Amino acid sequence: ALAPGLVKTDMSRVLYESGEDAIAQRHPSRRLGVPDDIAGAALFAASDASSWMTGETIAVEGGILLI
């Protein structure tokens, strides 16, 4: 399973539009996610490179869980 953090999309705009810079500065990566960040993790999960992984949740969240 993929567990995305805050990703800049039309659907999530209401969550970040009033203070994107302030929100991004709280992330260790200093930016919000973009759909391509999630796509990369999805491609990995669907590839042979992940064939030895079972029952894992991949957090794709820019490091916010470290805080």
N, C-alpha and C. Protein backbone atom coordinates (compact mmCIF):
# COMPACT_ATOMS: atom_id res chain seq x y z
N ALA A 1 0.85 -1.18 0.00
CA ALA A 1 0.00 0.00 0.00
C ALA A 1 0.89 1.24 0.00
N LEU A 2 0.42 2.26 -0.64
CA LEU A 2 1.10 3.55 -0.61
C LEU A 2 0.36 4.48 0.34
N ALA A 3 1.11 5.19 1.16
CA ALA A 3 0.53 6.13 2.12
C ALA A 3 1.10 7.52 1.82
N PRO A 4 0.44 8.26 0.94
CA PRO A 4 0.98 9.57 0.56
C PRO A 4 0.74 10.63 1.61
N GLY A 5 1.66 11.57 1.68
CA GLY A 5 1.47 12.76 2.49
C GLY A 5 0.71 13.79 1.69
N LEU A 6 0.87 15.05 2.04
CA LEU A 6 0.18 16.12 1.34
C LEU A 6 0.78 16.30 -0.05
N VAL A 7 -0.05 16.10 -1.06
CA VAL A 7 0.38 16.19 -2.46
C VAL A 7 -0.40 17.31 -3.13
N LYS A 8 0.31 18.12 -3.89
CA LYS A 8 -0.33 19.25 -4.58
C LYS A 8 -1.19 18.75 -5.74
N THR A 9 -2.49 18.74 -5.51
CA THR A 9 -3.45 18.38 -6.55
C THR A 9 -4.63 19.34 -6.44
N ASP A 10 -5.48 19.32 -7.44
CA ASP A 10 -6.69 20.16 -7.37
C ASP A 10 -7.54 19.78 -6.17
N MET A 11 -7.60 18.49 -5.85
CA MET A 11 -8.44 18.02 -4.76
C MET A 11 -7.93 18.49 -3.39
N SER A 12 -6.62 18.61 -3.23
CA SER A 12 -6.06 18.99 -1.93
C SER A 12 -5.75 20.48 -1.82
N ARG A 13 -6.03 21.24 -2.85
CA ARG A 13 -5.67 22.66 -2.87
C ARG A 13 -6.18 23.41 -1.64
N VAL A 14 -7.37 23.10 -1.19
CA VAL A 14 -7.94 23.81 -0.03
C VAL A 14 -7.08 23.63 1.22
N LEU A 15 -6.29 22.57 1.28
CA LEU A 15 -5.45 22.32 2.45
C LEU A 15 -4.17 23.15 2.47
N TYR A 16 -3.72 23.60 1.31
CA TYR A 16 -2.44 24.30 1.27
C TYR A 16 -2.48 25.69 0.64
N GLU A 17 -3.58 26.07 0.02
CA GLU A 17 -3.58 27.31 -0.76
C GLU A 17 -3.34 28.57 0.07
N SER A 18 -3.68 28.56 1.33
CA SER A 18 -3.51 29.78 2.13
C SER A 18 -2.11 29.90 2.75
N GLY A 19 -1.29 28.87 2.62
CA GLY A 19 0.04 28.96 3.23
C GLY A 19 0.99 27.87 2.77
N GLU A 20 1.09 27.69 1.46
CA GLU A 20 1.93 26.61 0.93
C GLU A 20 3.37 26.71 1.41
N ASP A 21 3.95 27.90 1.39
CA ASP A 21 5.34 28.06 1.81
C ASP A 21 5.53 27.69 3.27
N ALA A 22 4.62 28.11 4.12
CA ALA A 22 4.72 27.80 5.55
C ALA A 22 4.59 26.29 5.79
N ILE A 23 3.70 25.65 5.08
CA ILE A 23 3.53 24.21 5.22
C ILE A 23 4.78 23.49 4.72
N ALA A 24 5.29 23.91 3.57
CA ALA A 24 6.47 23.27 2.99
C ALA A 24 7.67 23.40 3.92
N GLN A 25 7.82 24.51 4.60
CA GLN A 25 8.96 24.71 5.49
C GLN A 25 8.94 23.77 6.69
N ARG A 26 7.81 23.19 7.01
CA ARG A 26 7.72 22.23 8.11
C ARG A 26 8.19 20.84 7.70
N HIS A 27 8.26 20.60 6.40
CA HIS A 27 8.69 19.30 5.89
C HIS A 27 10.21 19.25 5.80
N PRO A 28 10.81 18.13 6.16
CA PRO A 28 12.26 18.00 5.98
C PRO A 28 12.69 18.21 4.53
N SER A 29 11.82 17.87 3.58
CA SER A 29 12.16 18.05 2.16
C SER A 29 11.93 19.49 1.69
N ARG A 30 11.33 20.31 2.52
CA ARG A 30 11.05 21.72 2.24
C ARG A 30 10.16 21.96 1.03
N ARG A 31 9.30 20.99 0.73
CA ARG A 31 8.34 21.16 -0.36
C ARG A 31 7.18 20.21 -0.16
N LEU A 32 6.09 20.51 -0.81
CA LEU A 32 4.95 19.60 -0.82
C LEU A 32 5.19 18.56 -1.91
N GLY A 33 4.53 17.45 -1.79
CA GLY A 33 4.65 16.42 -2.81
C GLY A 33 3.94 16.82 -4.08
N VAL A 34 4.33 16.17 -5.15
CA VAL A 34 3.66 16.33 -6.44
C VAL A 34 3.26 14.94 -6.91
N PRO A 35 2.29 14.85 -7.80
CA PRO A 35 1.83 13.53 -8.25
C PRO A 35 2.96 12.61 -8.73
N ASP A 36 3.99 13.16 -9.36
CA ASP A 36 5.10 12.31 -9.82
C ASP A 36 5.83 11.63 -8.67
N ASP A 37 5.83 12.24 -7.48
CA ASP A 37 6.45 11.59 -6.33
C ASP A 37 5.72 10.29 -5.99
N ILE A 38 4.42 10.33 -6.05
CA ILE A 38 3.62 9.14 -5.76
C ILE A 38 3.74 8.14 -6.90
N ALA A 39 3.77 8.64 -8.12
CA ALA A 39 3.89 7.76 -9.29
C ALA A 39 5.17 6.93 -9.23
N GLY A 40 6.26 7.55 -8.81
CA GLY A 40 7.52 6.82 -8.71
C GLY A 40 7.43 5.66 -7.73
N ALA A 41 6.81 5.90 -6.59
CA ALA A 41 6.63 4.84 -5.60
C ALA A 41 5.70 3.75 -6.14
N ALA A 42 4.67 4.16 -6.87
CA ALA A 42 3.73 3.18 -7.44
C ALA A 42 4.43 2.32 -8.49
N LEU A 43 5.27 2.93 -9.31
CA LEU A 43 6.01 2.16 -10.31
C LEU A 43 6.94 1.16 -9.64
N PHE A 44 7.59 1.57 -8.57
CA PHE A 44 8.44 0.64 -7.83
C PHE A 44 7.61 -0.52 -7.29
N ALA A 45 6.49 -0.21 -6.65
CA ALA A 45 5.66 -1.25 -6.05
C ALA A 45 5.12 -2.23 -7.09
N ALA A 46 4.91 -1.75 -8.30
CA ALA A 46 4.38 -2.61 -9.37
C ALA A 46 5.48 -3.33 -10.15
N SER A 47 6.73 -3.04 -9.84
CA SER A 47 7.83 -3.61 -10.62
C SER A 47 8.40 -4.87 -9.96
N ASP A 48 9.25 -5.55 -10.71
CA ASP A 48 9.93 -6.72 -10.17
C ASP A 48 10.88 -6.36 -9.03
N ALA A 49 11.29 -5.10 -8.95
CA ALA A 49 12.18 -4.66 -7.88
C ALA A 49 11.56 -4.84 -6.50
N SER A 50 10.24 -4.89 -6.43
CA SER A 50 9.57 -5.06 -5.14
C SER A 50 9.06 -6.48 -4.93
N SER A 51 9.54 -7.43 -5.72
CA SER A 51 8.99 -8.79 -5.68
C SER A 51 9.21 -9.49 -4.34
N TRP A 52 10.14 -9.05 -3.54
CA TRP A 52 10.41 -9.69 -2.25
C TRP A 52 9.67 -8.99 -1.11
N MET A 53 8.93 -7.96 -1.42
CA MET A 53 8.16 -7.22 -0.42
C MET A 53 6.74 -7.76 -0.36
N THR A 54 6.26 -7.96 0.85
CA THR A 54 4.87 -8.38 1.04
C THR A 54 4.27 -7.64 2.22
N GLY A 55 3.05 -7.20 2.07
CA GLY A 55 2.32 -6.59 3.18
C GLY A 55 2.93 -5.32 3.74
N GLU A 56 3.60 -4.55 2.93
CA GLU A 56 4.24 -3.33 3.40
C GLU A 56 3.42 -2.09 3.05
N THR A 57 3.54 -1.09 3.87
CA THR A 57 2.99 0.23 3.57
C THR A 57 4.17 1.15 3.31
N ILE A 58 4.19 1.74 2.13
CA ILE A 58 5.27 2.64 1.75
C ILE A 58 4.79 4.07 1.99
N ALA A 59 5.42 4.74 2.95
CA ALA A 59 5.07 6.13 3.25
C ALA A 59 5.81 7.03 2.27
N VAL A 60 5.05 7.78 1.48
CA VAL A 60 5.61 8.72 0.51
C VAL A 60 5.15 10.09 0.97
N GLU A 61 5.89 10.68 1.93
CA GLU A 61 5.39 11.85 2.62
C GLU A 61 6.42 12.94 2.88
N GLY A 62 7.53 12.89 2.17
CA GLY A 62 8.51 13.96 2.26
C GLY A 62 9.24 14.07 3.59
N GLY A 63 9.15 13.05 4.42
CA GLY A 63 9.85 13.06 5.69
C GLY A 63 9.07 13.61 6.86
N ILE A 64 7.82 14.00 6.66
CA ILE A 64 7.03 14.61 7.74
C ILE A 64 6.85 13.67 8.93
N LEU A 65 6.90 12.36 8.70
CA LEU A 65 6.76 11.42 9.81
C LEU A 65 7.97 11.42 10.73
N LEU A 66 9.06 12.03 10.31
CA LEU A 66 10.26 12.13 11.15
C LEU A 66 10.12 13.18 12.23
N ILE A 67 9.19 14.09 12.04
CA ILE A 67 9.03 15.20 12.98
C ILE A 67 8.22 14.78 14.18
